[in-house]
Structure formats: structure tokens, C-alpha cells
């Protein structure tokens, strides 16, 4: 399972051209040669021209069509998608499923039917790497869910939209800037939404933080932090948790970048009204040396001499990355990424304003707006009490189902339910293609910032082409009338 990657091609990957894939898919867009040229071009040539307001279509305020029942196709049934299947089955009709492993397809069909929510079995697709093209051509699917290795997200999301489907993508929509741009333009041209299924935005503490920000408890927001610090060495990089076993680890040989910053970045971006009155404007990134993966491979007895990691190219991505993003309104976001080091899990989520600060991972808060004094953090029961007063309506409404279907404490179920609800009711997405593009752009832009061993500031594209200045709703919408919830 190898598609072209342009930062550092591996001689051991089976390289196929993007043009060949596009021809097989019947798609237009950027081929591998054009993509490679785009990544060596000057900064200005990689930016899209400005949109003329009122004359070019924006997806910012385009609602879903409204559906009596949302019909879903699932692509990728492994570590991530293989756990999400029953959640989709609980709130939608799963029409078709796809994975390169027939046993995974059969497993998912069995799990969906065992729930008893639908009478007709999903149709299975497992005839090679490009059988997903047959799934996206079906006329009984409204939404495609993509949970495959990162190099497949772009071609599968693009194919879904080209064939008239909305698409929800596990993170990222693409690690490459030209592909991110192409997904934005494809969404605008086809009128189909392309969204990150960013589950952390729907976690209970993050939604409470969002509500508190909207209520003005932090005062004027000034800076924030968020990211992803998660030791993936075992079982994810070297222990076979992924399929193919090597797919995510080998990205460490291709780019020196913040490969996966969205979990912490998404929630603080929503609180800061990114793309709804502010936007990312400039980024600079730094990293520590790449050491820990090679040391782990050499020293851990579970990694034997026949392990596939000994066929990897040199690991070039630093163990710890930090990016600083400056917004158009002069605010600052610090983004952290470390998946190679021995470290307890953290998303480094903080939000600071003129009246106080919250640190979600540390479970502490300090708000002058609530009379906090003496420079003393409120922790424990005091922290929990303050946060609980600002619960988002989604959690009380869905708490029992979130407990039942789980996934990161129920956040996975709520993220899926909310997307399906928005589709049923004909509303706009909470997270749209412009949010998805901005959050994912940190990956290639951080690589660009550190390229050639130098540190430089890079401009962040305005994926909205001017529409970021217009306020519009996101997670702050009131609970809608919904027969599914209210019945």
C-alpha cells in the first residue's frame, strides 16, 4: 500500500504515479509530477488566487441537503475504522464497506447486522487497493467515511466528492499543501462537504471550554496551545497495531514535520474563532533531533532482526516539534507534537485571555471573572464544578448513548452523531473544509519552515479567500428540534 510521497521518496516503496491513480479514478487534479513541482516552487506560486466575494462559491454557509436517513459508505476498517463501524451503524444506514482485507469487510458486516438496526447487509468491497472506486460510484450513499493510511485520504476524499458524496476524513485530510488546496477547490466545485472528523472537538472538557470562551469568562482571548504528545513507539509504530504495520512509522522517514497536530489545535482554534473572524496568518516551527525511533528499534527486545523497521530509510523527523502560529488579529497559538518519546499522553490544551486561563490536561483554572485571587489555581472539585456549569447540550442529551457506544469516553460517538444530525436536519457542518484545511496545513508548513536545516517563518494560506472575516456559527448553535433525539 504505497502512494507517491514527495518530500523524501523511499526506494523501498512501490511508487506509482499520481497521474495513474487519477486516470484509474477517472479524476482530474494534481498528479505526482505536478505535486512535486509544487513543493519545490516558491512560496507565492503555491498560493491560490483571491476569491472575489459574491462571484465565486464558498462552502462556508452551504447547508447539507437534508436527509430522512443518512446512508454511509465506510472505507478503511483497521485500527480506527474497525472501531467506528458500530457507531455509524447506530445513527445511520451503512450501505457499503471497503478494506483491502476481506476478513475485515466480513467482520464489519457482521458487527453492523448484529446491532439489528438495518435489514439489508452492507455491500463489501475488498478486491485490491482501488476497489474503493467502485464503492464511491454507488448511488445509494450520501456520505463517505475515510479511515485509511494518510497517503490515501486525498485520493479517496476527492473521489467521493467527484462522485457526488460528502466525505468525513480521519486526520489529516492530507499531509500535502497542494492536495489540501485541491480538496478545498473540489468541495467548492462539486458543492459537497469535505470535513475532518475531529473527535476531540466534541470531547466534554473541550466543549465546556468552548462554551466558557463564548460566555466571555476568559475575557479577550490572547493565546492558546494545543497539540498531540503521545508515545506511539509500542504498539503503534513497532508493535503491529496498524495495517500495514509500517505505514505510519515510515512517515518519519519522509517529512520533518508536526505530523498530527489537529487533536489539540482544533478545539483552541474553535474557541479563537479561526475562520470566523480570525485566521492563521504565519507559522514558524522547530524540532529536536531525531533519535528515539532508532534507539527503540535497536534496544527493545520485541523488535527482532526480521522486523520490517530495519528496511526503513533514515528517520528524519525530530522527536519533539513546536510550532508558533500568529493569527491575523495578532494572537498566538503554540502547537506541540511528539510521538517518539517516552511521555504520558497529553494534548497540551490551554486557553488564556485577559480575565483568566484554563489548562485542561492539568485540570486547573484561574478566572478573575469569577473572583479568583491569590494567584492560586482552582483544581480538583473546584475545577470540575466550574467546568460542569458550562456543559454543552450535546452531552446531557446523549450521555447514555455515549456511554454505551464509547470511543474516547464517548466523544467518538458524539462526533459521529452530530455530523449525521447536521446532515439530517439540513444544517451547515460544525467543522468545514476551510477548518480542515487550516488545521492540516500545519503539517506541510512546519516541514517548509524547517526545510534544509534552517528555521524560517512561512505564510499560512487563506483557504477561505476572504470569508474568514465573516462571523458564522459553529459549536455555539443551540440544540435544534430533532425527532431522532426528542422522540
Protein backbone atom coordinates (compact mmCIF):
# COMPACT_ATOMS: atom_id res chain seq x y z
CA UNK A 1 0.00 0.00 0.00
CA UNK A 2 2.20 2.80 -1.23
CA UNK A 3 1.31 6.03 -2.96
CA UNK A 4 3.77 8.70 -4.05
CA UNK A 5 5.11 10.98 -1.38
CA UNK A 6 7.16 13.89 -2.44
CA UNK A 7 9.24 15.05 0.49
CA UNK A 8 11.53 12.07 0.68
CA UNK A 9 10.66 9.17 -1.65
CA UNK A 10 11.53 5.75 -0.25
CA UNK A 11 13.37 3.43 -2.61
CA UNK A 12 11.59 0.53 -0.96
CA UNK A 13 8.06 1.79 -1.57
CA UNK A 14 6.17 0.68 -4.64
CA UNK A 15 5.94 4.03 -6.40
CA UNK A 16 3.00 4.65 -8.64
CA UNK A 17 2.31 7.98 -10.26
CA UNK A 18 -0.48 10.20 -9.12
CA UNK A 19 -1.41 10.54 -12.77
CA UNK A 20 -2.01 6.80 -12.98
CA UNK A 21 -4.19 6.90 -9.91
CA UNK A 22 -6.12 9.85 -11.29
CA UNK A 23 -6.68 8.02 -14.56
CA UNK A 24 -7.87 4.92 -12.72
CA UNK A 25 -10.23 7.02 -10.66
CA UNK A 26 -11.47 9.00 -13.63
CA UNK A 27 -10.44 12.16 -11.77
CA UNK A 28 -8.74 15.41 -12.62
CA UNK A 29 -6.48 17.25 -10.20
CA UNK A 30 -2.83 17.22 -9.28
CA UNK A 31 -0.61 14.35 -10.38
CA UNK A 32 2.63 13.30 -8.73
CA UNK A 33 4.78 15.34 -11.09
CA UNK A 34 2.77 18.49 -10.58
CA UNK A 35 2.73 17.88 -6.85
CA UNK A 36 6.49 17.52 -6.72
CA UNK A 37 6.89 20.71 -8.69
CA UNK A 38 4.50 22.50 -6.35
CA UNK A 39 6.60 21.55 -3.34
CA UNK A 40 9.78 22.96 -4.87
CA UNK A 41 8.12 26.12 -6.14
CA UNK A 42 8.40 29.47 -4.49
CA UNK A 43 6.08 30.36 -1.65
CA UNK A 44 3.96 32.69 -3.78
CA UNK A 45 3.31 30.20 -6.59
CA UNK A 46 1.82 27.75 -4.09
CA UNK A 47 -0.92 30.15 -3.03
CA UNK A 48 -4.34 30.21 -4.61
CA UNK A 49 -5.61 33.46 -6.15
CA UNK A 50 -8.01 35.55 -4.07
CA UNK A 51 -11.71 34.86 -4.30
CA UNK A 52 -13.99 37.67 -5.41
CA UNK A 53 -16.79 37.84 -2.88
CA UNK A 54 -20.20 37.33 -4.40
CA UNK A 55 -18.77 35.87 -7.62
CA UNK A 56 -17.14 32.62 -6.50
CA UNK A 57 -18.78 29.94 -4.46
CA UNK A 58 -17.77 29.42 -0.85
CA UNK A 59 -18.80 26.34 1.13
CA UNK A 60 -18.78 28.34 4.38
CA UNK A 61 -22.54 28.75 4.53
CA UNK A 62 -23.72 25.90 2.32
CA UNK A 63 -26.01 23.57 4.30
CA UNK A 64 -26.42 19.86 3.80
CA UNK A 65 -29.38 18.95 1.64
CA UNK A 66 -31.35 17.34 4.49
CA UNK A 67 -31.89 13.58 4.61
CA UNK A 68 -34.59 11.33 6.01
CA UNK A 69 -31.89 8.74 6.63
CA UNK A 70 -28.17 9.23 6.06
CA UNK A 71 -26.61 6.41 4.03
CA UNK A 72 -22.91 5.88 4.68
CA UNK A 73 -20.04 4.07 3.00
CA UNK A 74 -17.03 3.14 5.13
CA UNK A 75 -13.51 2.98 3.62
CA UNK A 76 -10.83 1.57 5.93
CA UNK A 77 -11.75 -0.90 8.66
CA UNK A 78 -8.50 -1.23 10.56
CA UNK A 79 -7.32 0.17 13.89
CA UNK A 80 -9.55 3.25 13.66
CA UNK A 81 -12.30 2.46 11.20
CA UNK A 82 -12.76 -1.02 12.65
CA UNK A 83 -13.89 0.51 15.94
CA UNK A 84 -16.09 3.22 14.45
CA UNK A 85 -18.31 0.88 12.41
CA UNK A 86 -20.89 0.18 15.12
CA UNK A 87 -21.17 3.89 15.94
CA UNK A 88 -22.02 4.68 12.33
CA UNK A 89 -24.44 1.76 12.37
CA UNK A 90 -26.22 3.16 15.42
CA UNK A 91 -27.13 6.51 13.83
CA UNK A 92 -27.11 5.90 10.06
CA UNK A 93 -27.61 3.19 7.43
CA UNK A 94 -24.29 1.62 6.44
CA UNK A 95 -24.73 0.79 2.76
CA UNK A 96 -21.23 -0.37 1.81
CA UNK A 97 -17.87 -1.07 3.42
CA UNK A 98 -14.36 -1.37 1.98
CA UNK A 99 -10.98 -2.66 3.12
CA UNK A 100 -8.14 -4.44 1.34
CA UNK A 101 -8.59 -7.35 3.79
CA UNK A 102 -11.70 -9.46 3.09
CA UNK A 103 -11.79 -10.66 6.68
CA UNK A 104 -12.15 -7.08 7.89
CA UNK A 105 -15.00 -6.47 5.48
CA UNK A 106 -16.79 -9.61 6.67
CA UNK A 107 -16.17 -8.69 10.31
CA UNK A 108 -17.68 -5.23 9.87
CA UNK A 109 -20.72 -6.52 8.02
CA UNK A 110 -21.32 -8.96 10.86
CA UNK A 111 -20.95 -6.27 13.50
CA UNK A 112 -23.33 -3.91 11.70
CA UNK A 113 -26.01 -6.57 11.23
CA UNK A 114 -25.69 -7.85 14.82
CA UNK A 115 -26.93 -4.46 16.02
CA UNK A 116 -30.31 -5.08 14.44
CA UNK A 117 -30.81 -1.54 13.15
CA UNK A 118 -30.96 -2.38 9.42
CA UNK A 119 -32.39 -5.24 7.41
CA UNK A 120 -30.09 -5.16 4.38
CA UNK A 121 -26.44 -6.11 4.70
CA UNK A 122 -23.81 -3.59 3.62
CA UNK A 123 -22.15 -4.49 0.33
CA UNK A 124 -18.48 -5.39 0.80
CA UNK A 125 -15.52 -4.25 -1.33
CA UNK A 126 -12.11 -5.88 -0.88
CA UNK A 127 -10.77 -6.54 -4.37
CA UNK A 128 -7.48 -4.67 -4.13
CA UNK A 129 -6.31 -1.17 -3.30
CA UNK A 130 -8.57 0.65 -5.74
CA UNK A 131 -11.84 -1.19 -5.10
CA UNK A 132 -12.93 1.89 -3.14
CA UNK A 133 -13.60 3.45 -6.56
CA UNK A 134 -16.44 1.01 -7.05
CA UNK A 135 -17.88 1.93 -3.66
CA UNK A 136 -17.88 5.69 -4.29
CA UNK A 137 -19.71 5.23 -7.60
CA UNK A 138 -22.79 3.78 -5.87
CA UNK A 139 -25.96 5.85 -5.98
CA UNK A 140 -27.17 4.78 -2.52
CA UNK A 141 -24.54 6.58 -0.44
CA UNK A 142 -24.76 10.13 0.93
CA UNK A 143 -21.54 10.24 2.98
CA UNK A 144 -18.18 8.51 2.69
CA UNK A 145 -16.12 7.92 5.84
CA UNK A 146 -12.36 7.54 5.25
CA UNK A 147 -10.13 5.85 7.83
CA UNK A 148 -7.18 4.61 5.80
CA UNK A 149 -3.42 5.41 5.93
CA UNK A 150 -2.71 9.08 5.36
CA UNK A 151 -1.50 8.80 1.76
CA UNK A 152 -4.93 7.51 0.75
CA UNK A 153 -7.00 10.27 2.35
CA UNK A 154 -6.66 12.70 -0.53
CA UNK A 155 -7.48 10.38 -3.46
CA UNK A 156 -10.37 8.78 -1.58
CA UNK A 157 -11.85 12.08 -0.39
CA UNK A 158 -11.51 13.58 -3.87
CA UNK A 159 -13.11 10.53 -5.49
CA UNK A 160 -16.02 10.71 -3.04
CA UNK A 161 -16.79 14.34 -3.89
CA UNK A 162 -16.31 13.81 -7.62
CA UNK A 163 -18.97 11.12 -7.42
CA UNK A 164 -21.46 13.29 -5.54
CA UNK A 165 -20.82 12.29 -1.94
CA UNK A 166 -19.98 14.29 1.15
CA UNK A 167 -16.88 12.97 2.89
CA UNK A 168 -15.69 12.79 6.51
CA UNK A 169 -11.99 12.05 6.87
CA UNK A 170 -9.94 10.85 9.80
CA UNK A 171 -6.96 13.06 10.40
CA UNK A 172 -5.49 14.63 8.26
CA UNK A 173 -7.37 15.33 5.02
CA UNK A 174 -3.86 15.34 3.50
CA UNK A 175 -0.28 15.99 4.66
CA UNK A 176 0.48 17.94 1.45
CA UNK A 177 -0.40 21.55 0.75
CA UNK A 178 -1.26 21.14 -2.93
CA UNK A 179 -3.61 18.26 -2.10
CA UNK A 180 -5.25 20.27 0.70
CA UNK A 181 -5.87 23.09 -1.78
CA UNK A 182 -7.29 20.65 -4.32
CA UNK A 183 -9.74 19.25 -1.79
CA UNK A 184 -10.90 22.79 -0.98
CA UNK A 185 -11.46 23.60 -4.65
CA UNK A 186 -13.09 20.21 -5.33
CA UNK A 187 -15.51 20.80 -2.46
CA UNK A 188 -16.39 24.23 -3.84
CA UNK A 189 -16.78 22.95 -7.39
CA UNK A 190 -18.90 19.90 -6.52
CA UNK A 191 -20.86 21.50 -3.68
CA UNK A 192 -20.00 18.55 -1.43
CA UNK A 193 -18.59 18.99 2.05
CA UNK A 194 -15.16 17.60 2.97
CA UNK A 195 -14.60 17.54 6.73
CA UNK A 196 -12.19 16.27 9.31
CA UNK A 197 -13.95 14.01 11.77
CA UNK A 198 -12.07 15.74 14.60
CA UNK A 199 -13.43 13.88 17.60
CA UNK A 200 -11.58 15.90 20.24
CA UNK A 201 -13.63 18.99 19.39
CA UNK A 202 -16.60 17.03 20.77
CA UNK A 203 -14.98 15.84 23.98
CA UNK A 204 -16.79 17.10 27.05
CA UNK A 205 -13.99 19.26 28.55
CA UNK A 206 -13.21 20.85 25.18
CA UNK A 207 -16.86 21.75 24.54
CA UNK A 208 -17.11 23.19 28.04
CA UNK A 209 -14.01 25.28 27.38
CA UNK A 210 -15.57 26.47 24.12
CA UNK A 211 -18.79 27.49 25.89
CA UNK A 212 -16.82 29.36 28.56
CA UNK A 213 -14.89 31.25 25.90
CA UNK A 214 -18.14 32.24 24.18
CA UNK A 215 -19.56 33.35 27.54
CA UNK A 216 -16.59 35.71 27.95
CA UNK A 217 -15.19 34.08 31.10
CA UNK A 218 -11.61 34.33 29.81
CA UNK A 219 -12.08 37.94 28.71
CA UNK A 220 -10.38 38.91 25.48
CA UNK A 221 -8.63 35.77 24.22
CA UNK A 222 -4.92 36.28 23.66
CA UNK A 223 -3.11 32.98 23.23
CA UNK A 224 -3.61 29.25 23.36
CA UNK A 225 -1.80 25.96 23.00
CA UNK A 226 -2.75 22.54 21.74
CA UNK A 227 -1.21 19.56 20.07
CA UNK A 228 -0.52 15.86 20.34
CA UNK A 229 2.01 14.28 22.67
CA UNK A 230 1.53 10.51 22.63
CA UNK A 231 4.20 7.81 22.82
CA UNK A 232 3.37 5.67 19.77
CA UNK A 233 6.51 3.52 19.71
CA UNK A 234 4.69 0.45 21.02
CA UNK A 235 2.32 -0.95 19.85
CA UNK A 236 1.63 1.57 17.06
CA UNK A 237 4.97 2.16 15.34
CA UNK A 238 6.65 -1.17 16.02
CA UNK A 239 4.03 -3.46 17.56
CA UNK A 240 1.71 -4.22 14.67
CA UNK A 241 -1.33 -2.23 15.82
CA UNK A 242 -1.59 -0.68 12.34
CA UNK A 243 -2.01 -2.36 8.97
CA UNK A 244 0.23 -2.38 7.08
CA UNK A 245 2.44 -2.48 10.17
CA UNK A 246 4.84 0.16 8.87
CA UNK A 247 2.54 2.76 7.33
CA UNK A 248 2.55 5.46 9.99
CA UNK A 249 6.12 4.88 11.14
CA UNK A 250 7.53 5.47 7.67
CA UNK A 251 6.15 8.99 7.58
CA UNK A 252 9.02 9.65 10.00
CA UNK A 253 11.39 8.99 7.06
CA UNK A 254 9.58 11.37 4.70
CA UNK A 255 8.98 14.68 6.44
CA UNK A 256 10.38 16.60 9.39
CA UNK A 257 7.03 17.97 10.46
CA UNK A 258 4.28 18.13 13.05
CA UNK A 259 2.60 15.10 11.50
CA UNK A 260 -0.54 15.04 13.65
CA UNK A 261 -1.29 18.30 15.48
CA UNK A 262 -5.05 18.53 14.97
CA UNK A 263 -6.38 16.98 18.20
CA UNK A 264 -5.20 19.86 20.36
CA UNK A 265 -5.22 22.52 17.67
CA UNK A 266 -8.85 22.06 16.61
CA UNK A 267 -10.54 22.88 19.93
CA UNK A 268 -8.49 26.01 20.66
CA UNK A 269 -8.96 27.19 17.06
CA UNK A 270 -12.72 26.91 17.51
CA UNK A 271 -12.55 28.93 20.74
CA UNK A 272 -10.47 31.59 18.96
CA UNK A 273 -12.99 31.90 16.08
CA UNK A 274 -10.48 30.79 13.47
CA UNK A 275 -12.06 31.24 10.03
CA UNK A 276 -14.90 33.13 11.73
CA UNK A 277 -13.30 36.49 12.46
CA UNK A 278 -9.64 35.48 12.66
CA UNK A 279 -7.35 33.13 10.77
CA UNK A 280 -3.90 31.57 10.84
CA UNK A 281 -1.52 34.03 9.19
CA UNK A 282 2.08 32.94 9.81
CA UNK A 283 3.91 29.91 11.22
CA UNK A 284 7.39 29.02 12.41
CA UNK A 285 8.46 25.57 13.61
CA UNK A 286 11.43 23.99 15.37
CA UNK A 287 12.30 20.41 16.29
CA UNK A 288 14.66 18.38 18.40
CA UNK A 289 16.97 15.83 16.72
CA UNK A 290 15.50 12.51 15.53
CA UNK A 291 16.84 9.86 17.91
CA UNK A 292 14.19 7.87 19.73
CA UNK A 293 12.83 5.62 16.99
CA UNK A 294 16.26 4.34 16.01
CA UNK A 295 17.15 3.82 19.69
CA UNK A 296 13.91 1.95 20.34
CA UNK A 297 14.43 -0.31 17.32
CA UNK A 298 17.95 -1.10 18.44
CA UNK A 299 17.30 -1.64 22.15
CA UNK A 300 13.79 -3.04 22.57
CA UNK A 301 13.86 -6.88 22.60
CA UNK A 302 10.41 -7.02 20.98
CA UNK A 303 11.88 -5.63 17.74
CA UNK A 304 13.71 -8.60 16.26
CA UNK A 305 16.19 -8.77 13.37
CA UNK A 306 13.40 -9.66 10.90
CA UNK A 307 11.23 -6.68 11.82
CA UNK A 308 10.17 -4.51 8.87
CA UNK A 309 11.59 -1.39 10.55
CA UNK A 310 15.10 -2.48 9.59
CA UNK A 311 14.04 -1.82 5.99
CA UNK A 312 13.08 1.78 6.78
CA UNK A 313 15.05 4.69 5.43
CA UNK A 314 16.66 7.01 7.96
CA UNK A 315 14.27 8.59 10.43
CA UNK A 316 14.50 12.31 9.71
CA UNK A 317 11.58 13.73 11.69
CA UNK A 318 12.55 15.27 15.01
CA UNK A 319 11.28 13.68 18.20
CA UNK A 320 9.68 16.87 19.51
CA UNK A 321 8.22 19.67 17.42
CA UNK A 322 6.90 23.06 18.42
CA UNK A 323 5.17 25.46 16.05
CA UNK A 324 4.10 29.01 16.79
CA UNK A 325 1.19 30.35 14.77
CA UNK A 326 0.42 34.05 14.60
CA UNK A 327 -3.16 34.92 13.67
CA UNK A 328 -4.37 37.82 11.56
CA UNK A 329 -5.59 39.53 14.74
CA UNK A 330 -2.17 39.21 16.39
CA UNK A 331 -2.94 36.31 18.72
CA UNK A 332 -0.61 33.34 19.23
CA UNK A 333 -1.11 29.57 19.23
CA UNK A 334 1.62 27.17 20.33
CA UNK A 335 1.33 23.72 18.77
CA UNK A 336 3.18 20.70 20.21
CA UNK A 337 3.86 17.32 18.61
CA UNK A 338 5.81 14.35 19.97
CA UNK A 339 5.01 10.71 19.20
CA UNK A 340 8.53 9.29 19.58
CA UNK A 341 9.44 9.96 23.21
CA UNK A 342 8.56 8.26 26.49
CA UNK A 343 5.85 10.62 27.67
CA UNK A 344 2.36 10.33 29.18
CA UNK A 345 -0.43 11.28 26.81
CA UNK A 346 -1.20 15.00 26.58
CA UNK A 347 -2.85 17.41 24.18
CA UNK A 348 -1.23 20.43 25.87
CA UNK A 349 -4.58 22.29 25.74
CA UNK A 350 -4.60 25.76 27.27
CA UNK A 351 -6.62 28.89 26.62
CA UNK A 352 -5.65 32.29 28.02
CA UNK A 353 -7.39 35.64 27.95
CA UNK A 354 -7.39 38.97 29.72
CA UNK A 355 -9.54 37.57 32.56
CA UNK A 356 -8.08 34.13 33.14
CA UNK A 357 -6.74 30.83 31.92
CA UNK A 358 -7.64 27.13 31.76
CA UNK A 359 -5.29 24.16 31.39
CA UNK A 360 -7.38 21.12 30.51
CA UNK A 361 -4.66 18.47 30.75
CA UNK A 362 -3.59 19.67 34.17
CA UNK A 363 -7.19 20.11 35.35
CA UNK A 364 -6.73 23.65 36.66
CA UNK A 365 -8.32 27.01 36.07
CA UNK A 366 -7.93 30.61 37.23
CA UNK A 367 -10.56 33.21 36.36
CA UNK A 368 -10.60 36.76 37.63
CA UNK A 369 -14.04 36.96 36.03
CA UNK A 370 -15.22 34.55 38.76
CA UNK A 371 -13.38 36.34 41.56
CA UNK A 372 -10.32 34.11 41.68
CA UNK A 373 -7.49 35.77 43.62
CA UNK A 374 -4.24 34.98 45.43
CA UNK A 375 -2.62 33.54 42.32
CA UNK A 376 -3.98 30.12 43.27
CA UNK A 377 -5.18 27.54 40.75
CA UNK A 378 -8.64 26.04 41.20
CA UNK A 379 -8.19 22.28 40.90
CA UNK A 380 -9.99 19.09 41.85
CA UNK A 381 -13.65 19.52 42.80
CA UNK A 382 -13.48 23.30 42.34
CA UNK A 383 -12.22 22.87 38.77
CA UNK A 384 -14.84 20.22 37.99
CA UNK A 385 -17.65 22.32 39.42
CA UNK A 386 -16.74 25.36 37.33
CA UNK A 387 -16.42 23.34 34.14
CA UNK A 388 -19.67 21.43 34.73
CA UNK A 389 -21.65 24.67 34.81
CA UNK A 390 -20.86 25.15 31.12
CA UNK A 391 -21.81 21.77 29.70
CA UNK A 392 -22.61 21.69 26.01
CA UNK A 393 -26.14 20.48 25.28
CA UNK A 394 -24.82 17.54 23.25
CA UNK A 395 -23.52 15.75 26.33
CA UNK A 396 -26.60 15.74 28.59
CA UNK A 397 -28.72 14.85 25.56
CA UNK A 398 -26.52 11.92 24.52
CA UNK A 399 -24.78 10.85 27.70
CA UNK A 400 -26.37 7.38 27.91
CA UNK A 401 -25.64 6.62 24.25
CA UNK A 402 -22.12 7.99 24.58
CA UNK A 403 -21.56 5.62 27.49
CA UNK A 404 -23.00 2.73 25.51
CA UNK A 405 -21.07 3.26 22.27
CA UNK A 406 -17.96 4.77 23.80
CA UNK A 407 -14.84 5.72 21.94
CA UNK A 408 -12.53 8.04 23.88
CA UNK A 409 -15.06 8.37 26.67
CA UNK A 410 -17.98 8.75 24.26
CA UNK A 411 -16.55 11.62 22.25
CA UNK A 412 -16.22 9.44 19.15
CA UNK A 413 -19.91 8.58 19.23
CA UNK A 414 -20.96 12.19 19.76
CA UNK A 415 -18.80 13.38 16.84
CA UNK A 416 -20.46 10.85 14.52
CA UNK A 417 -23.95 11.55 15.86
CA UNK A 418 -23.53 15.29 15.42
CA UNK A 419 -22.39 15.01 11.80
CA UNK A 420 -25.30 12.73 10.94
CA UNK A 421 -27.69 15.07 12.77
CA UNK A 422 -26.46 18.08 10.80
CA UNK A 423 -26.95 16.14 7.56
CA UNK A 424 -30.45 15.02 8.51
CA UNK A 425 -31.58 18.50 9.55
CA UNK A 426 -30.04 20.30 6.58
CA UNK A 427 -27.61 22.43 8.61
CA UNK A 428 -24.06 23.53 7.88
CA UNK A 429 -21.19 21.44 9.29
CA UNK A 430 -19.59 22.39 12.60
CA UNK A 431 -16.17 21.69 11.05
CA UNK A 432 -15.98 22.57 7.35
CA UNK A 433 -13.42 22.20 4.59
CA UNK A 434 -11.76 25.51 5.49
CA UNK A 435 -11.26 24.50 9.13
CA UNK A 436 -9.95 21.14 7.98
CA UNK A 437 -7.55 22.77 5.53
CA UNK A 438 -6.21 25.29 8.04
CA UNK A 439 -5.62 22.74 10.80
CA UNK A 440 -3.97 20.24 8.46
CA UNK A 441 -1.80 22.87 6.76
CA UNK A 442 0.37 22.91 9.87
CA UNK A 443 1.86 19.61 8.66
CA UNK A 444 3.37 20.75 5.34
CA UNK A 445 4.01 24.29 6.53
CA UNK A 446 6.01 23.07 9.53
CA UNK A 447 8.08 20.96 7.14
CA UNK A 448 8.60 24.03 4.96
CA UNK A 449 9.59 26.11 7.98
CA UNK A 450 12.38 23.67 8.92
CA UNK A 451 13.48 22.61 5.43
CA UNK A 452 17.19 22.46 4.64
CA UNK A 453 18.08 22.72 8.32
CA UNK A 454 17.04 26.36 8.53
CA UNK A 455 14.20 27.88 10.53
CA UNK A 456 12.06 30.37 8.70
CA UNK A 457 8.63 31.88 9.03
CA UNK A 458 6.11 30.83 6.39
CA UNK A 459 2.80 32.37 5.44
CA UNK A 460 -0.36 30.35 6.05
CA UNK A 461 -2.72 30.41 3.06
CA UNK A 462 -6.15 31.94 3.41
CA UNK A 463 -8.14 28.90 2.34
CA UNK A 464 -11.39 30.91 2.64
CA UNK A 465 -10.10 33.66 0.29
CA UNK A 466 -11.54 36.44 2.39
CA UNK A 467 -14.56 34.80 4.00
CA UNK A 468 -12.70 34.31 7.30
CA UNK A 469 -13.68 37.86 8.25
CA UNK A 470 -17.37 36.97 8.37
CA UNK A 471 -18.70 35.63 11.69
CA UNK A 472 -20.71 32.42 11.45
CA UNK A 473 -21.76 29.71 13.88
CA UNK A 474 -20.01 26.50 14.76
CA UNK A 475 -20.33 24.61 18.07
CA UNK A 476 -22.26 27.51 19.61
CA UNK A 477 -25.58 26.70 17.93
CA UNK A 478 -28.48 25.93 20.22
CA UNK A 479 -29.97 22.47 20.42
CA UNK A 480 -32.15 22.01 17.32
CA UNK A 481 -35.52 20.33 17.19
CA UNK A 482 -34.67 16.78 16.24
CA UNK A 483 -37.19 13.90 16.11
CA UNK A 484 -34.32 11.42 16.50
CA UNK A 485 -33.38 12.97 19.86
CA UNK A 486 -36.77 14.12 21.01
CA UNK A 487 -38.83 11.07 20.07
